[in-house]
Amino acid sequence: MGLGVRKGDIVLVMTGKSKGKKGRILAVSPAAERVSIEGINIVKKHTKPNKKYAQGGIIEKEGTVHISNVMFICPKCSKPTKIGNTVLESGKKLRTCKKCREVLE
C-alpha cells in the first residue's frame, strides 16, 4: 500500500493530542504505516550514558503518528488534501493535489 506522503512534506494532524498542528515529516516507516513529524508527539526517552550522550538522562524526541491521522497540505493551494497519482504517457507517475489538480513534484 502506498502511503502518499514523503519525507519533507508538510502535514496536518487530524486526531489525537496534537490535533490541528502542522509539521514537516522527518521520517516515514512504510512497513508500520507511521510517520515522524517535527515538533509533534514529543516523547521522553530514558537513556544510559553512551558515546552519543555522555551523561545519559532523559531525552525528548518526536514519536511516530499513524499515517491515517495526518493529512497532506498542498504547497500550491495551502489546503489539507488527498494525494492523487497521474501517469504520463512515458509511464512516469506524478503526485497531484486532488483539490487544485496541481502537480506536486
C-alpha atoms as a PDB file:
ATOM      1  CA  MET A   1       0.000   0.000   0.000  1.00  0.00           C
ATOM      2  CA  GLY A   2       1.415   3.383  -0.981  1.00  0.00           C
ATOM      3  CA  LEU A   3       1.456   5.967   1.763  1.00  0.00           C
ATOM      4  CA  GLY A   4       1.333   9.028  -0.480  1.00  0.00           C
ATOM      5  CA  VAL A   5       3.399  11.243   1.819  1.00  0.00           C
ATOM      6  CA  ARG A   6       7.181  11.549   1.745  1.00  0.00           C
ATOM      7  CA  LYS A   7       9.957  12.886   3.914  1.00  0.00           C
ATOM      8  CA  GLY A   8       9.888  16.702   3.845  1.00  0.00           C
ATOM      9  CA  ASP A   9       6.135  17.051   3.156  1.00  0.00           C
ATOM     10  CA  ILE A  10       4.069  19.379   5.350  1.00  0.00           C
ATOM     11  CA  VAL A  11       1.125  17.617   7.019  1.00  0.00           C
ATOM     12  CA  LEU A  12      -1.761  18.493   9.344  1.00  0.00           C
ATOM     13  CA  VAL A  13      -2.509  16.235  12.334  1.00  0.00           C
ATOM     14  CA  MET A  14      -6.210  15.346  12.256  1.00  0.00           C
ATOM     15  CA  THR A  15      -6.656  13.469  15.568  1.00  0.00           C
ATOM     16  CA  GLY A  16      -5.032  12.949  18.944  1.00  0.00           C
ATOM     17  CA  LYS A  17      -3.399  15.290  21.443  1.00  0.00           C
ATOM     18  CA  SER A  18      -1.694  17.287  18.660  1.00  0.00           C
ATOM     19  CA  LYS A  19      -4.893  17.791  16.620  1.00  0.00           C
ATOM     20  CA  GLY A  20      -4.722  20.852  14.361  1.00  0.00           C
ATOM     21  CA  LYS A  21      -0.938  21.224  14.423  1.00  0.00           C
ATOM     22  CA  LYS A  22       1.176  21.349  11.265  1.00  0.00           C
ATOM     23  CA  GLY A  23       4.659  19.956  10.830  1.00  0.00           C
ATOM     24  CA  ARG A  24       7.283  18.632   8.416  1.00  0.00           C
ATOM     25  CA  ILE A  25       7.740  14.870   8.055  1.00  0.00           C
ATOM     26  CA  LEU A  26      11.129  13.755   9.377  1.00  0.00           C
ATOM     27  CA  ALA A  27      10.857  10.007   8.696  1.00  0.00           C
ATOM     28  CA  VAL A  28       8.409   7.581   7.081  1.00  0.00           C
ATOM     29  CA  SER A  29       8.049   3.920   8.058  1.00  0.00           C
ATOM     30  CA  PRO A  30       6.002   2.211   5.297  1.00  0.00           C
ATOM     31  CA  ALA A  31       6.015  -1.220   6.969  1.00  0.00           C
ATOM     32  CA  ALA A  32       4.450   0.152  10.162  1.00  0.00           C
ATOM     33  CA  GLU A  33       2.418   2.828   8.282  1.00  0.00           C
ATOM     34  CA  ARG A  34       3.733   5.529  10.627  1.00  0.00           C
ATOM     35  CA  VAL A  35       5.410   8.924  10.215  1.00  0.00           C
ATOM     36  CA  SER A  36       7.574  11.045  12.495  1.00  0.00           C
ATOM     37  CA  ILE A  37       6.641  14.744  12.399  1.00  0.00           C
ATOM     38  CA  GLU A  38       8.783  17.668  13.541  1.00  0.00           C
ATOM     39  CA  GLY A  39       7.523  19.015  16.893  1.00  0.00           C
ATOM     40  CA  ILE A  40       4.577  16.594  17.123  1.00  0.00           C
ATOM     41  CA  ASN A  41       4.069  13.762  19.673  1.00  0.00           C
ATOM     42  CA  ILE A  42       7.118  14.582  21.792  1.00  0.00           C
ATOM     43  CA  VAL A  43       8.066  11.611  24.000  1.00  0.00           C
ATOM     44  CA  LYS A  44      10.647  11.306  26.768  1.00  0.00           C
ATOM     45  CA  LYS A  45      13.217   8.529  26.491  1.00  0.00           C
ATOM     46  CA  HIS A  46      15.452   7.478  29.374  1.00  0.00           C
ATOM     47  CA  THR A  47      18.966   6.652  28.130  1.00  0.00           C
ATOM     48  CA  LYS A  48      22.101   5.274  29.686  1.00  0.00           C
ATOM     49  CA  PRO A  49      25.389   7.113  29.106  1.00  0.00           C
ATOM     50  CA  ASN A  50      26.928   6.230  25.735  1.00  0.00           C
ATOM     51  CA  LYS A  51      29.142   7.796  23.054  1.00  0.00           C
ATOM     52  CA  LYS A  52      26.359   9.996  21.685  1.00  0.00           C
ATOM     53  CA  TYR A  53      25.024  11.105  25.100  1.00  0.00           C
ATOM     54  CA  ALA A  54      27.939  11.169  27.531  1.00  0.00           C
ATOM     55  CA  GLN A  55      25.787  11.932  30.562  1.00  0.00           C
ATOM     56  CA  GLY A  56      22.702   9.972  29.609  1.00  0.00           C
ATOM     57  CA  GLY A  57      19.424  11.060  31.225  1.00  0.00           C
ATOM     58  CA  ILE A  58      16.032  11.948  29.817  1.00  0.00           C
ATOM     59  CA  ILE A  59      15.924  12.873  26.125  1.00  0.00           C
ATOM     60  CA  GLU A  60      12.906  14.368  24.370  1.00  0.00           C
ATOM     61  CA  LYS A  61      12.302  13.294  20.778  1.00  0.00           C
ATOM     62  CA  GLU A  62       9.499  13.004  18.255  1.00  0.00           C
ATOM     63  CA  GLY A  63       7.398   9.867  18.450  1.00  0.00           C
ATOM     64  CA  THR A  64       5.542   8.408  15.487  1.00  0.00           C
ATOM     65  CA  VAL A  65       1.967   9.043  14.368  1.00  0.00           C
ATOM     66  CA  HIS A  66      -0.136   6.631  12.316  1.00  0.00           C
ATOM     67  CA  ILE A  67      -0.454   7.682   8.679  1.00  0.00           C
ATOM     68  CA  SER A  68      -4.283   7.698   8.881  1.00  0.00           C
ATOM     69  CA  ASN A  69      -4.136  10.516  11.452  1.00  0.00           C
ATOM     70  CA  VAL A  70      -2.363  13.021   9.193  1.00  0.00           C
ATOM     71  CA  MET A  71      -3.382  14.851   6.028  1.00  0.00           C
ATOM     72  CA  PHE A  72      -1.091  16.294   3.377  1.00  0.00           C
ATOM     73  CA  ILE A  73      -1.102  20.096   2.923  1.00  0.00           C
ATOM     74  CA  CYS A  74      -0.757  21.190  -0.696  1.00  0.00           C
ATOM     75  CA  PRO A  75       2.019  23.787  -1.144  1.00  0.00           C
ATOM     76  CA  LYS A  76       0.107  25.416  -4.035  1.00  0.00           C
ATOM     77  CA  CYS A  77      -3.386  25.882  -2.512  1.00  0.00           C
ATOM     78  CA  SER A  78      -2.346  25.587   1.183  1.00  0.00           C
ATOM     79  CA  LYS A  79      -5.290  23.304   1.994  1.00  0.00           C
ATOM     80  CA  PRO A  80      -5.344  19.811   3.524  1.00  0.00           C
ATOM     81  CA  THR A  81      -5.971  17.396   0.694  1.00  0.00           C
ATOM     82  CA  LYS A  82      -5.613  13.854  -0.536  1.00  0.00           C
ATOM     83  CA  ILE A  83      -2.856  12.950  -2.971  1.00  0.00           C
ATOM     84  CA  GLY A  84      -3.691  11.560  -6.391  1.00  0.00           C
ATOM     85  CA  ASN A  85      -1.427   9.880  -8.936  1.00  0.00           C
ATOM     86  CA  THR A  86      -1.222  10.803 -12.610  1.00  0.00           C
ATOM     87  CA  VAL A  87       0.556   8.511 -15.053  1.00  0.00           C
ATOM     88  CA  LEU A  88       2.232  10.179 -18.026  1.00  0.00           C
ATOM     89  CA  GLU A  89       2.438   8.580 -21.485  1.00  0.00           C
ATOM     90  CA  SER A  90       6.075   7.740 -20.774  1.00  0.00           C
ATOM     91  CA  GLY A  91       4.953   5.646 -17.782  1.00  0.00           C
ATOM     92  CA  LYS A  92       6.211   8.064 -15.125  1.00  0.00           C
ATOM     93  CA  LYS A  93       3.954   8.600 -12.086  1.00  0.00           C
ATOM     94  CA  LEU A  94       3.404  12.089 -10.660  1.00  0.00           C
ATOM     95  CA  ARG A  95       1.762  13.079  -7.377  1.00  0.00           C
ATOM     96  CA  THR A  96      -1.086  15.574  -7.769  1.00  0.00           C
ATOM     97  CA  CYS A  97      -3.309  17.568  -5.415  1.00  0.00           C
ATOM     98  CA  LYS A  98      -6.920  16.343  -5.521  1.00  0.00           C
ATOM     99  CA  LYS A  99      -8.305  19.849  -4.789  1.00  0.00           C
ATOM    100  CA  CYS A 100      -6.375  22.118  -7.164  1.00  0.00           C
ATOM    101  CA  ARG A 101      -5.128  19.398  -9.596  1.00  0.00           C
ATOM    102  CA  GLU A 102      -1.563  20.811  -9.461  1.00  0.00           C
ATOM    103  CA  VAL A 103       1.466  18.526  -9.889  1.00  0.00           C
ATOM    104  CA  LEU A 104       3.386  18.323  -6.606  1.00  0.00           C
ATOM    105  CA  GLU A 105       6.817  17.341  -7.949  1.00  0.00           C
END
